[in-house]
Amino acid sequence: MSKGKLIGVGVGPGDPELLTIKAGKILSDVPVICAPRSAPEKPSIALAIVQSTLNNRKDNYKTIEPLFPMIEDKTSLKEHWDQAAELVALHLEKGLDVAFVTLGDPSIFSTFSYLQKRILKKEYDVEMVPGITSFTGCASAAGIPLVEKDEILVIVPKVDHRLKSILDDGDTFVIMKTSRHGDLLEKTIEADARNKDIISVQNCTMKSEEVVQGFVKNKKYLSTTLVKFSRD
C-alpha cells in the first residue's frame, strides 16, 4: 500500500473567494483536513475560510485539529509539533493524503513549516500549494502598489533593534502583526526623515476589514502596517 502525502494548502488572507482553484480542488477531494488551533477554545481561522468549500463535499472526510499554541517556550512548542507530526503520520501510513490548511501562503511565516520538516524526516512526501499572501491582500485593500521598478520590499515579522538598521536599504516595509509591537514601531519609523505613507489594515479581506491611515492602536491579532518611503 502506498503512503499518503502531506499537502500544505495556502488558503489566502481571509476571503473564501480568494482561495485558488487548485486549493479548492484539493480540499474537495482530500480525505483528511488538518487545521491546527492556537488554543483549545479558539476555532481555526484557516478552517473557517475553507468551510464553504468543505460543506459542498458529498463524501466523508476527517478533520484533525492539533494544538499549535502561540507561546515562547521552545521546548513546549517542539512537543506540540512532534505530537502533530505523529497524528498526521498515522493517516499518511494508512495511505491517506492530509491537507494542512494555513492562512496566506505555506512558505511564508507558516506553522506548516514545523510540521513539514518532521514529516519529511519520517520519509513521507510533502507538497505545497501557494496561496495569496496577507500583505498583497492588504495592498489591494489599501489600493496601493507595494513596489515599483527596482524598489526593495522588506517583510518584517517582529519589530526589534534590527528594524532601524535596515530602514535605509528598503523602500516599502510590511510590518506583520502590528498590534504586538507597541510604541517601538512608531518611534523607529517616525525617526526616519524621509517622506512616507503609512497604512494599516486589520482583518484583511474579511467582512470586518478596516483600512486606516497611520498606525493602529488596538490589539487586533490580524493587523498589518504598510510603510512606503519616498526617495523623491
Protein backbone atom coordinates (compact mmCIF):
# COMPACT_ATOMS: atom_id res chain seq x y z
CA MET A 1 0.00 0.00 0.00
CA SER A 2 1.35 3.39 -0.96
CA LYS A 3 1.73 6.01 1.74
CA GLY A 4 -0.21 9.24 1.86
CA LYS A 5 1.13 12.71 1.18
CA LEU A 6 1.09 15.84 3.32
CA ILE A 7 -0.14 18.89 1.38
CA GLY A 8 0.35 22.38 2.76
CA VAL A 9 -2.52 24.42 1.33
CA GLY A 10 -2.40 28.20 1.46
CA VAL A 11 -5.99 29.43 1.85
CA GLY A 12 -5.32 33.15 1.41
CA PRO A 13 -5.80 36.09 3.77
CA GLY A 14 -9.44 35.64 4.72
CA ASP A 15 -11.96 35.98 1.90
CA PRO A 16 -13.09 32.47 0.83
CA GLU A 17 -13.34 33.74 -2.77
CA LEU A 18 -9.56 34.24 -2.77
CA LEU A 19 -8.97 30.51 -2.43
CA THR A 20 -7.13 29.33 -5.53
CA ILE A 21 -8.72 26.87 -7.95
CA LYS A 22 -6.02 24.29 -7.18
CA ALA A 23 -6.53 24.64 -3.43
CA GLY A 24 -10.28 24.27 -3.89
CA LYS A 25 -9.84 21.07 -5.92
CA ILE A 26 -7.57 19.52 -3.30
CA LEU A 27 -9.87 20.43 -0.42
CA SER A 28 -12.83 18.99 -2.31
CA ASP A 29 -11.15 15.60 -2.58
CA VAL A 30 -8.52 15.02 0.12
CA PRO A 31 -9.65 12.53 2.81
CA VAL A 32 -8.11 14.30 5.82
CA ILE A 33 -8.07 18.02 6.67
CA CYS A 34 -5.55 19.23 9.25
CA ALA A 35 -6.48 22.58 10.78
CA PRO A 36 -4.39 23.44 13.85
CA ARG A 37 -5.74 25.65 16.63
CA SER A 38 -3.74 28.21 18.59
CA ALA A 39 -5.75 27.34 21.73
CA PRO A 40 -8.35 24.66 22.55
CA GLU A 41 -11.14 27.25 22.82
CA LYS A 42 -10.20 29.13 19.64
CA PRO A 43 -11.51 27.88 16.28
CA SER A 44 -9.15 27.68 13.33
CA ILE A 45 -9.38 30.78 11.11
CA ALA A 46 -7.99 28.83 8.17
CA LEU A 47 -10.66 26.16 8.60
CA ALA A 48 -13.38 28.82 8.70
CA ILE A 49 -12.12 30.21 5.39
CA VAL A 50 -12.48 26.87 3.60
CA GLN A 51 -15.64 25.70 5.38
CA SER A 52 -17.93 26.63 2.49
CA THR A 53 -15.79 24.50 0.17
CA LEU A 54 -15.91 21.59 2.59
CA ASN A 55 -19.68 21.97 3.02
CA ASN A 56 -20.11 21.27 -0.69
CA ARG A 57 -18.46 17.87 -0.42
CA LYS A 58 -20.71 14.84 -0.89
CA ASP A 59 -18.27 12.34 0.60
CA ASN A 60 -16.98 11.76 4.10
CA TYR A 61 -13.76 13.36 5.23
CA LYS A 62 -11.99 13.66 8.55
CA THR A 63 -10.82 16.84 10.27
CA ILE A 64 -7.98 16.81 12.78
CA GLU A 65 -7.12 19.91 14.82
CA PRO A 66 -3.79 19.62 16.64
CA LEU A 67 -2.78 22.35 19.04
CA PHE A 68 -0.12 24.81 17.85
CA PRO A 69 -0.06 27.28 20.77
CA MET A 70 1.23 30.84 20.43
CA ILE A 71 3.82 30.65 23.19
CA GLU A 72 7.55 31.36 23.50
CA ASP A 73 8.54 28.16 25.34
CA LYS A 74 10.57 26.34 22.66
CA THR A 75 10.52 23.01 24.47
CA SER A 76 6.73 23.03 24.77
CA LEU A 77 6.34 24.14 21.14
CA LYS A 78 8.52 21.29 19.90
CA GLU A 79 6.41 18.84 21.89
CA HIS A 80 3.22 20.11 20.23
CA TRP A 81 4.80 19.97 16.77
CA ASP A 82 6.05 16.44 17.41
CA GLN A 83 2.57 15.37 18.56
CA ALA A 84 1.02 16.90 15.45
CA ALA A 85 3.51 15.08 13.23
CA GLU A 86 2.69 11.77 14.91
CA LEU A 87 -1.03 12.39 14.44
CA VAL A 88 -0.62 13.24 10.76
CA ALA A 89 1.73 10.29 10.20
CA LEU A 90 -0.93 7.89 11.44
CA HIS A 91 -3.13 8.88 8.49
CA LEU A 92 -0.28 9.01 5.98
CA GLU A 93 0.75 5.48 6.93
CA LYS A 94 -2.77 4.33 6.02
CA GLY A 95 -2.32 5.76 2.53
CA LEU A 96 -4.47 8.85 3.20
CA ASP A 97 -3.41 12.27 1.97
CA VAL A 98 -3.60 15.07 4.54
CA ALA A 99 -4.20 18.72 3.62
CA PHE A 100 -2.84 21.20 6.17
CA VAL A 101 -4.74 24.47 5.77
CA THR A 102 -2.82 27.63 6.59
CA LEU A 103 -3.52 31.35 6.31
CA GLY A 104 -1.83 33.09 3.40
CA ASP A 105 0.93 31.02 1.85
CA PRO A 106 2.53 27.90 3.41
CA SER A 107 6.05 29.14 2.65
CA ILE A 108 5.76 32.50 4.47
CA PHE A 109 5.84 32.51 8.29
CA SER A 110 3.54 29.50 8.37
CA THR A 111 3.26 26.91 11.13
CA PHE A 112 3.18 24.41 8.28
CA SER A 113 6.99 24.57 8.07
CA TYR A 114 7.40 22.97 11.50
CA LEU A 115 5.20 20.05 10.52
CA GLN A 116 6.76 19.81 7.07
CA LYS A 117 10.26 19.26 8.48
CA ARG A 118 9.08 16.48 10.77
CA ILE A 119 7.07 14.70 8.11
CA LEU A 120 9.98 14.81 5.67
CA LYS A 121 12.22 13.23 8.31
CA LYS A 122 9.69 10.42 8.53
CA GLU A 123 10.20 9.98 4.76
CA TYR A 124 6.70 10.87 3.61
CA ASP A 125 6.07 13.01 0.53
CA VAL A 126 5.19 16.66 1.04
CA GLU A 127 3.61 19.09 -1.42
CA MET A 128 2.96 22.83 -1.08
CA VAL A 129 0.13 24.76 -2.72
CA PRO A 130 0.77 28.52 -2.73
CA GLY A 131 -1.86 30.95 -1.53
CA ILE A 132 -2.48 34.69 -1.75
CA THR A 133 -0.43 36.38 0.96
CA SER A 134 -1.84 38.69 3.60
CA PHE A 135 0.40 41.58 2.58
CA THR A 136 -0.63 41.54 -1.06
CA GLY A 137 -4.21 41.38 0.16
CA CYS A 138 -3.52 44.40 2.37
CA ALA A 139 -2.04 46.35 -0.54
CA SER A 140 -5.13 45.61 -2.61
CA ALA A 141 -7.40 46.68 0.24
CA ALA A 142 -5.44 49.91 0.58
CA GLY A 143 -5.46 50.44 -3.19
CA ILE A 144 -1.70 50.93 -3.46
CA PRO A 145 1.19 49.20 -5.25
CA LEU A 146 3.64 47.61 -2.85
CA VAL A 147 6.70 48.24 -5.02
CA GLU A 148 7.52 49.63 -8.46
CA LYS A 149 10.52 49.42 -10.79
CA ASP A 150 13.60 48.47 -8.71
CA GLU A 151 12.18 49.31 -5.28
CA ILE A 152 13.03 46.94 -2.44
CA LEU A 153 10.29 45.24 -0.43
CA VAL A 154 11.05 44.16 3.16
CA ILE A 155 8.81 41.86 5.21
CA VAL A 156 9.18 42.35 8.98
CA PRO A 157 7.69 39.67 11.28
CA LYS A 158 8.92 41.24 14.51
CA VAL A 159 9.97 44.77 15.45
CA ASP A 160 13.22 44.98 17.40
CA HIS A 161 16.64 46.65 17.08
CA ARG A 162 17.14 45.15 13.62
CA LEU A 163 14.47 47.31 12.00
CA LYS A 164 16.37 50.57 12.46
CA SER A 165 19.49 49.07 10.89
CA ILE A 166 17.73 48.07 7.66
CA LEU A 167 15.40 51.04 7.08
CA ASP A 168 17.85 52.80 4.74
CA ASP A 169 18.01 49.76 2.46
CA GLY A 170 14.28 49.36 1.85
CA ASP A 171 11.55 51.30 0.09
CA THR A 172 8.40 49.53 1.30
CA PHE A 173 8.13 47.75 4.63
CA VAL A 174 5.41 45.28 5.52
CA ILE A 175 5.13 45.08 9.30
CA MET A 176 3.32 41.89 10.29
CA LYS A 177 1.14 41.53 13.40
CA THR A 178 1.45 45.22 14.19
CA SER A 179 -0.56 45.01 17.40
CA ARG A 180 2.35 43.21 19.08
CA HIS A 181 4.93 45.92 18.55
CA GLY A 182 3.65 48.87 20.57
CA ASP A 183 5.43 52.21 20.56
CA LEU A 184 8.76 50.90 19.27
CA LEU A 185 7.45 50.61 15.72
CA GLU A 186 6.13 54.17 15.64
CA LYS A 187 9.29 55.64 17.17
CA THR A 188 11.53 53.78 14.73
CA ILE A 189 9.55 54.74 11.62
CA GLU A 190 8.93 58.35 12.63
CA ALA A 191 12.66 58.83 13.30
CA ASP A 192 13.32 58.34 9.58
CA ALA A 193 13.36 61.76 7.91
CA ARG A 194 12.10 60.57 4.51
CA ASN A 195 8.59 61.30 3.34
CA LYS A 196 6.42 58.29 3.97
CA ASP A 197 2.92 56.88 3.66
CA ILE A 198 1.68 54.66 6.47
CA ILE A 199 -1.41 52.50 6.07
CA SER A 200 -2.64 49.81 8.44
CA VAL A 201 -5.06 47.04 7.52
CA GLN A 202 -6.88 44.85 10.02
CA ASN A 203 -8.68 41.60 9.23
CA CYS A 204 -7.65 41.90 5.59
CA THR A 205 -10.31 40.80 3.04
CA MET A 206 -12.67 39.69 5.80
CA LYS A 207 -16.11 41.17 6.49
CA SER A 208 -14.62 43.05 9.46
CA GLU A 209 -11.77 44.54 7.39
CA GLU A 210 -10.59 48.01 8.36
CA VAL A 211 -8.15 50.23 6.47
CA VAL A 212 -6.75 53.21 8.39
CA GLN A 213 -4.13 55.85 7.75
CA GLY A 214 -1.23 55.59 10.17
CA PHE A 215 -0.62 53.05 12.92
CA VAL A 216 -3.25 51.03 14.74
CA LYS A 217 -3.76 51.46 18.46
CA ASN A 218 -5.86 48.42 19.34
CA LYS A 219 -4.81 44.82 19.85
CA LYS A 220 -6.45 43.01 16.95
CA TYR A 221 -4.36 39.98 16.02
CA LEU A 222 -4.61 40.22 12.23
CA SER A 223 -3.10 43.68 11.83
CA THR A 224 -0.54 44.66 9.19
CA THR A 225 1.08 48.04 8.59
CA LEU A 226 2.47 49.10 5.22
CA VAL A 227 5.17 51.79 5.23
CA LYS A 228 6.14 53.28 1.88
CA PHE A 229 9.13 55.64 1.83
CA SER A 230 9.63 58.19 -0.91
CA ARG A 231 13.09 58.78 -2.36
CA ASP A 232 11.99 61.79 -4.41
